[in-house]
Amino acid sequence: MTEPVAYWHIPQIENEEVFVSFSPSKTSNFEDIPLYTAEDLHPRVKMTKKQYNRLMWDKENTDLSTCLEYFIKNDGNNDFGSPSEKLLGNLTQEDIAIAWLNPEETIEIVPNMKWFVRSKEPEDEDEYYLFLSGSNLDDLDYFGFDYARAFDTKEEAELWTNPLTEAVQLAVEDE
């Protein structure tokens, strides 16, 4: 939670005035009620690096309407029913519009998180874990993180765990 940026000071004794300030009261004669946080006054739009890059490309090359259309159209399935990139994610159209207006002060880039299956204990003294790897589920093996198989949900990853492995969520770079 972010710290309040303004307080309403209500007197605990008679003949004191109610007032608002940017810091808590220095005496115990007032009850300090937080009014606003920085997040309330200036909400941030959280998006992945991939979403940010697409928004910035659209901002330079198209208009807001085209940008919104692209985000919505590329959110799971394309026109032929096959999977497409999940670009919209948790963003709303309002989030995209707010970010479009003032990206430098509005956007907070969050890492893209995926689920992996790895060994519970590091394999050697250098603290290297082994990760479930393989291009398809028929040729699975355990290798370093560079070859790790990523899962979108914890449930998918947990299907591949055993007593020596665990499902963990880690940040990944956008492709």
Protein backbone atom coordinates (compact mmCIF):
# COMPACT_ATOMS: atom_id res chain seq x y z
CA MET A 1 0.00 0.00 0.00
CA THR A 2 1.27 3.48 -0.78
CA GLU A 3 1.63 6.12 1.89
CA PRO A 4 -1.06 8.82 2.14
CA VAL A 5 -0.22 12.22 0.67
CA ALA A 6 -2.91 14.18 2.52
CA TYR A 7 -4.57 13.92 5.94
CA TRP A 8 -7.77 15.23 7.45
CA HIS A 9 -7.10 16.25 11.06
CA ILE A 10 -10.09 15.98 13.39
CA PRO A 11 -9.63 17.58 16.83
CA GLN A 12 -9.95 15.42 19.93
CA ILE A 13 -10.47 18.45 22.19
CA GLU A 14 -12.93 21.33 21.99
CA ASN A 15 -12.21 24.68 20.33
CA GLU A 16 -9.76 23.21 17.80
CA GLU A 17 -10.38 23.53 14.08
CA VAL A 18 -10.53 20.72 11.55
CA PHE A 19 -7.82 21.08 8.90
CA VAL A 20 -6.15 19.24 6.05
CA SER A 21 -2.39 18.94 5.55
CA PHE A 22 0.19 16.87 3.73
CA SER A 23 1.67 15.27 6.84
CA PRO A 24 0.31 13.64 10.00
CA SER A 25 -0.37 15.89 12.98
CA LYS A 26 2.58 16.40 15.30
CA THR A 27 0.35 16.24 18.40
CA SER A 28 -2.03 13.63 19.72
CA ASN A 29 -4.79 16.26 19.91
CA PHE A 30 -5.97 15.25 16.44
CA GLU A 31 -7.17 12.07 14.80
CA ASP A 32 -5.42 11.82 11.43
CA ILE A 33 -7.54 10.33 8.66
CA PRO A 34 -5.71 9.59 5.39
CA LEU A 35 -7.45 11.24 2.45
CA TYR A 36 -5.46 10.35 -0.64
CA THR A 37 -2.54 8.24 -1.68
CA ALA A 38 -0.30 9.03 -4.61
CA GLU A 39 -1.98 6.11 -6.41
CA ASP A 40 -5.41 7.74 -5.89
CA LEU A 41 -4.23 11.03 -7.34
CA HIS A 42 -2.15 9.60 -10.14
CA PRO A 43 -3.15 6.02 -11.02
CA ARG A 44 -0.60 3.87 -12.82
CA VAL A 45 -1.29 1.45 -15.65
CA LYS A 46 0.59 -1.82 -15.20
CA MET A 47 1.63 -3.54 -18.42
CA THR A 48 4.26 -5.92 -19.70
CA LYS A 49 7.19 -4.83 -21.84
CA LYS A 50 5.50 -6.42 -24.86
CA GLN A 51 2.30 -4.42 -24.26
CA TYR A 52 4.33 -1.24 -23.74
CA ASN A 53 6.31 -1.75 -26.95
CA ARG A 54 3.12 -2.29 -28.95
CA LEU A 55 1.46 0.78 -27.41
CA MET A 56 4.48 2.96 -28.24
CA TRP A 57 4.59 1.62 -31.80
CA ASP A 58 0.90 2.41 -32.26
CA LYS A 59 1.35 5.86 -30.70
CA GLU A 60 3.97 6.71 -33.32
CA ASN A 61 2.32 5.03 -36.32
CA THR A 62 -1.46 4.88 -35.84
CA ASP A 63 -4.23 6.39 -33.75
CA LEU A 64 -5.83 5.37 -30.44
CA SER A 65 -8.79 3.65 -32.10
CA THR A 66 -6.51 1.41 -34.20
CA CYS A 67 -4.38 0.67 -31.15
CA LEU A 68 -7.40 -0.41 -29.08
CA GLU A 69 -8.65 -2.56 -31.95
CA TYR A 70 -5.27 -4.31 -32.23
CA PHE A 71 -5.08 -5.04 -28.48
CA ILE A 72 -8.61 -6.48 -28.46
CA LYS A 73 -8.21 -8.46 -31.68
CA ASN A 74 -4.96 -10.08 -30.52
CA ASP A 75 -6.17 -11.46 -27.23
CA GLY A 76 -6.28 -15.21 -27.50
CA ASN A 77 -7.66 -16.29 -30.88
CA ASN A 78 -7.25 -14.98 -34.39
CA ASP A 79 -9.85 -14.91 -37.17
CA PHE A 80 -9.20 -18.57 -38.04
CA GLY A 81 -9.68 -19.87 -34.48
CA SER A 82 -6.03 -20.63 -33.85
CA PRO A 83 -4.26 -19.17 -30.81
CA SER A 84 -2.71 -15.71 -31.06
CA GLU A 85 -0.68 -13.65 -28.64
CA LYS A 86 -2.56 -12.64 -25.50
CA LEU A 87 -1.80 -8.96 -25.78
CA LEU A 88 -4.68 -7.38 -23.86
CA GLY A 89 -4.14 -9.41 -20.69
CA ASN A 90 -5.58 -7.56 -17.66
CA LEU A 91 -5.67 -4.19 -19.43
CA THR A 92 -8.98 -2.46 -20.06
CA GLN A 93 -9.67 -0.09 -22.93
CA GLU A 94 -9.63 2.73 -20.39
CA ASP A 95 -6.15 1.66 -19.19
CA ILE A 96 -4.83 1.79 -22.74
CA ALA A 97 -6.39 5.21 -23.35
CA ILE A 98 -4.92 6.62 -20.11
CA ALA A 99 -1.48 5.22 -20.96
CA TRP A 100 -1.77 6.63 -24.49
CA LEU A 101 -2.25 10.17 -23.17
CA ASN A 102 0.76 10.31 -20.86
CA PRO A 103 2.91 7.16 -21.08
CA GLU A 104 5.98 8.52 -19.27
CA GLU A 105 4.10 9.24 -16.03
CA THR A 106 1.35 6.64 -16.25
CA ILE A 107 2.89 3.32 -17.29
CA GLU A 108 4.52 0.92 -14.86
CA ILE A 109 6.17 -2.01 -16.60
CA VAL A 110 5.74 -5.28 -14.73
CA PRO A 111 7.69 -8.40 -15.57
CA ASN A 112 5.98 -11.14 -17.54
CA MET A 113 5.61 -14.07 -15.12
CA LYS A 114 5.48 -17.76 -16.12
CA TRP A 115 5.41 -21.00 -14.17
CA PHE A 116 8.29 -23.49 -14.30
CA VAL A 117 9.04 -26.89 -12.81
CA ARG A 118 12.47 -27.06 -11.17
CA SER A 119 14.40 -29.20 -8.71
CA LYS A 120 13.72 -28.44 -5.05
CA GLU A 121 17.42 -28.45 -4.22
CA PRO A 122 20.21 -26.84 -6.26
CA GLU A 123 22.13 -29.44 -8.25
CA ASP A 124 25.59 -28.33 -7.08
CA GLU A 125 27.33 -25.90 -4.75
CA ASP A 126 27.04 -23.10 -7.34
CA GLU A 127 23.28 -22.96 -6.67
CA TYR A 128 22.09 -24.10 -10.09
CA TYR A 129 18.59 -25.55 -10.27
CA LEU A 130 17.53 -28.01 -12.94
CA PHE A 131 14.39 -27.07 -14.89
CA LEU A 132 11.90 -29.23 -16.77
CA SER A 133 12.73 -28.73 -20.44
CA GLY A 134 11.60 -29.86 -23.87
CA SER A 135 10.07 -28.48 -27.03
CA ASN A 136 7.11 -30.84 -26.67
CA LEU A 137 5.87 -33.07 -23.89
CA ASP A 138 7.30 -36.21 -25.54
CA ASP A 139 10.98 -35.24 -25.15
CA LEU A 140 11.06 -33.77 -21.63
CA ASP A 141 14.27 -33.71 -19.64
CA TYR A 142 15.92 -31.47 -17.04
CA PHE A 143 18.38 -28.74 -18.08
CA GLY A 144 19.41 -25.22 -17.13
CA PHE A 145 16.94 -22.32 -17.21
CA ASP A 146 17.82 -21.36 -20.81
CA TYR A 147 15.93 -24.43 -22.04
CA ALA A 148 13.13 -24.41 -19.45
CA ARG A 149 9.57 -25.16 -20.45
CA ALA A 150 7.24 -22.34 -19.37
CA PHE A 151 3.63 -22.87 -18.29
CA ASP A 152 0.93 -20.19 -18.18
CA THR A 153 -0.76 -21.45 -15.01
CA LYS A 154 0.35 -23.02 -11.76
CA GLU A 155 -2.05 -25.91 -12.35
CA GLU A 156 -0.39 -26.79 -15.68
CA ALA A 157 3.05 -26.75 -14.07
CA GLU A 158 1.97 -28.80 -11.07
CA LEU A 159 0.88 -31.63 -13.38
CA TRP A 160 4.59 -32.16 -14.12
CA THR A 161 5.96 -32.02 -10.56
CA ASN A 162 7.14 -34.99 -8.52
CA PRO A 163 8.49 -35.30 -4.96
CA LEU A 164 11.89 -33.92 -6.04
CA THR A 165 10.54 -30.94 -7.99
CA GLU A 166 8.38 -27.87 -7.38
CA ALA A 167 6.38 -25.36 -9.44
CA VAL A 168 7.78 -21.83 -9.23
CA GLN A 169 6.74 -18.54 -10.80
CA LEU A 170 9.57 -16.52 -12.34
CA ALA A 171 9.90 -13.44 -14.50
CA VAL A 172 10.67 -14.04 -18.18
CA GLU A 173 11.72 -11.67 -20.92
CA ASP A 174 9.15 -10.98 -23.60
CA GLU A 175 9.94 -12.60 -26.89
